[in-house]
């Protein structure tokens, strides 16, 4: 039996992931919370050791520990695009 999959897009890259492998949850005006087994790489494909199975990824661009969130979104009053207006359908 095949596992359900989901397609997500971040920048120019498209990734296909199986639902039971990883869950990515955008928090309103905050980080992307990544849960489950995953592989995190930099723009050159080098693996970043996350050292845990749940991480928060910065979306505001102000974190001092990028790609991870350090809470800077609260002091910079970051506002993420919300609802369906910012989504592209595939």
C-alpha atoms as a PDB file:
ATOM      1  CA  UNK A   1       0.000   0.000   0.000  1.00  0.00           C
ATOM      2  CA  UNK A   2       1.394   3.410  -0.888  1.00  0.00           C
ATOM      3  CA  UNK A   3       1.754   6.106   1.730  1.00  0.00           C
ATOM      4  CA  UNK A   4      -0.028   9.443   1.278  1.00  0.00           C
ATOM      5  CA  UNK A   5       2.226  12.259   0.167  1.00  0.00           C
ATOM      6  CA  UNK A   6       2.100  16.028   0.079  1.00  0.00           C
ATOM      7  CA  UNK A   7       3.836  18.546  -2.121  1.00  0.00           C
ATOM      8  CA  UNK A   8       5.112  21.778  -0.642  1.00  0.00           C
ATOM      9  CA  UNK A   9       7.003  24.653  -2.152  1.00  0.00           C
ATOM     10  CA  UNK A  10       9.557  26.853  -0.447  1.00  0.00           C
ATOM     11  CA  UNK A  11      11.266  29.286  -2.776  1.00  0.00           C
ATOM     12  CA  UNK A  12      12.145  27.719  -6.114  1.00  0.00           C
ATOM     13  CA  UNK A  13      12.417  24.163  -4.773  1.00  0.00           C
ATOM     14  CA  UNK A  14       9.597  21.660  -4.731  1.00  0.00           C
ATOM     15  CA  UNK A  15       9.734  18.700  -2.413  1.00  0.00           C
ATOM     16  CA  UNK A  16       7.594  15.593  -2.205  1.00  0.00           C
ATOM     17  CA  UNK A  17       7.341  14.172   1.294  1.00  0.00           C
ATOM     18  CA  UNK A  18       5.314  11.350   2.743  1.00  0.00           C
ATOM     19  CA  UNK A  19       2.873  12.491   5.378  1.00  0.00           C
ATOM     20  CA  UNK A  20       3.999   9.965   7.991  1.00  0.00           C
ATOM     21  CA  UNK A  21       7.655  10.998   7.702  1.00  0.00           C
ATOM     22  CA  UNK A  22       7.506  14.670   8.596  1.00  0.00           C
ATOM     23  CA  UNK A  23       5.003  17.349   9.548  1.00  0.00           C
ATOM     24  CA  UNK A  24       5.627  21.057   8.887  1.00  0.00           C
ATOM     25  CA  UNK A  25       3.358  23.513  10.694  1.00  0.00           C
ATOM     26  CA  UNK A  26       3.549  27.272  10.089  1.00  0.00           C
ATOM     27  CA  UNK A  27       2.826  29.179  13.280  1.00  0.00           C
ATOM     28  CA  UNK A  28       0.917  32.417  12.822  1.00  0.00           C
ATOM     29  CA  UNK A  29       3.485  35.210  12.556  1.00  0.00           C
ATOM     30  CA  UNK A  30       6.144  32.813  13.835  1.00  0.00           C
ATOM     31  CA  UNK A  31       8.403  29.952  12.796  1.00  0.00           C
ATOM     32  CA  UNK A  32       7.823  26.792  10.798  1.00  0.00           C
ATOM     33  CA  UNK A  33       7.668  23.913  13.267  1.00  0.00           C
ATOM     34  CA  UNK A  34       9.126  20.714  11.778  1.00  0.00           C
ATOM     35  CA  UNK A  35       8.270  17.432  13.539  1.00  0.00           C
ATOM     36  CA  UNK A  36       9.423  13.919  12.789  1.00  0.00           C
ATOM     37  CA  UNK A  37      12.406  12.455  10.998  1.00  0.00           C
ATOM     38  CA  UNK A  38      13.787  14.876   8.418  1.00  0.00           C
ATOM     39  CA  UNK A  39      17.006  15.888   6.697  1.00  0.00           C
ATOM     40  CA  UNK A  40      17.919  19.579   6.842  1.00  0.00           C
ATOM     41  CA  UNK A  41      20.437  20.920   4.319  1.00  0.00           C
ATOM     42  CA  UNK A  42      21.922  24.297   3.475  1.00  0.00           C
ATOM     43  CA  UNK A  43      21.684  25.894   0.017  1.00  0.00           C
ATOM     44  CA  UNK A  44      24.716  23.874  -1.143  1.00  0.00           C
ATOM     45  CA  UNK A  45      23.236  20.559  -0.043  1.00  0.00           C
ATOM     46  CA  UNK A  46      25.400  20.176   3.074  1.00  0.00           C
ATOM     47  CA  UNK A  47      23.515  18.529   5.906  1.00  0.00           C
ATOM     48  CA  UNK A  48      22.791  20.627   9.006  1.00  0.00           C
ATOM     49  CA  UNK A  49      22.753  18.614  12.234  1.00  0.00           C
ATOM     50  CA  UNK A  50      19.519  19.598  13.969  1.00  0.00           C
ATOM     51  CA  UNK A  51      20.207  17.274  16.955  1.00  0.00           C
ATOM     52  CA  UNK A  52      16.501  16.694  17.584  1.00  0.00           C
ATOM     53  CA  UNK A  53      13.293  15.497  15.927  1.00  0.00           C
ATOM     54  CA  UNK A  54      11.359  18.767  16.407  1.00  0.00           C
ATOM     55  CA  UNK A  55      12.789  22.115  15.312  1.00  0.00           C
ATOM     56  CA  UNK A  56      11.533  25.647  14.673  1.00  0.00           C
ATOM     57  CA  UNK A  57      12.762  27.287  11.454  1.00  0.00           C
ATOM     58  CA  UNK A  58      12.969  31.077  11.195  1.00  0.00           C
ATOM     59  CA  UNK A  59      10.611  32.808   8.750  1.00  0.00           C
ATOM     60  CA  UNK A  60      11.239  36.423   9.742  1.00  0.00           C
ATOM     61  CA  UNK A  61      14.902  36.520   8.680  1.00  0.00           C
ATOM     62  CA  UNK A  62      16.102  38.167  11.902  1.00  0.00           C
ATOM     63  CA  UNK A  63      17.223  35.110  13.899  1.00  0.00           C
ATOM     64  CA  UNK A  64      20.825  35.091  15.071  1.00  0.00           C
ATOM     65  CA  UNK A  65      20.878  31.272  14.901  1.00  0.00           C
ATOM     66  CA  UNK A  66      19.474  30.808  11.392  1.00  0.00           C
ATOM     67  CA  UNK A  67      18.052  28.635  10.019  1.00  0.00           C
ATOM     68  CA  UNK A  68      16.578  28.066  13.481  1.00  0.00           C
ATOM     69  CA  UNK A  69      14.162  30.424  15.224  1.00  0.00           C
ATOM     70  CA  UNK A  70      15.409  32.406  18.237  1.00  0.00           C
ATOM     71  CA  UNK A  71      12.163  34.288  18.887  1.00  0.00           C
ATOM     72  CA  UNK A  72      13.213  37.456  17.019  1.00  0.00           C
ATOM     73  CA  UNK A  73       9.848  37.496  15.230  1.00  0.00           C
ATOM     74  CA  UNK A  74       8.232  38.773  18.424  1.00  0.00           C
ATOM     75  CA  UNK A  75      10.510  41.816  18.780  1.00  0.00           C
ATOM     76  CA  UNK A  76      10.451  42.643  15.051  1.00  0.00           C
ATOM     77  CA  UNK A  77       6.648  42.272  14.928  1.00  0.00           C
ATOM     78  CA  UNK A  78       6.937  39.879  11.961  1.00  0.00           C
ATOM     79  CA  UNK A  79       3.678  39.293  10.080  1.00  0.00           C
ATOM     80  CA  UNK A  80       3.430  36.304   7.772  1.00  0.00           C
ATOM     81  CA  UNK A  81       1.149  36.194   4.774  1.00  0.00           C
ATOM     82  CA  UNK A  82      -1.893  34.233   5.844  1.00  0.00           C
ATOM     83  CA  UNK A  83      -4.896  32.501   4.437  1.00  0.00           C
ATOM     84  CA  UNK A  84      -5.149  31.326   0.870  1.00  0.00           C
ATOM     85  CA  UNK A  85      -4.004  34.576  -0.769  1.00  0.00           C
ATOM     86  CA  UNK A  86      -0.325  33.632  -0.514  1.00  0.00           C
ATOM     87  CA  UNK A  87      -0.690  30.005  -1.612  1.00  0.00           C
ATOM     88  CA  UNK A  88      -0.093  28.518  -5.021  1.00  0.00           C
ATOM     89  CA  UNK A  89      -1.981  25.406  -5.979  1.00  0.00           C
ATOM     90  CA  UNK A  90      -0.118  22.523  -7.599  1.00  0.00           C
END
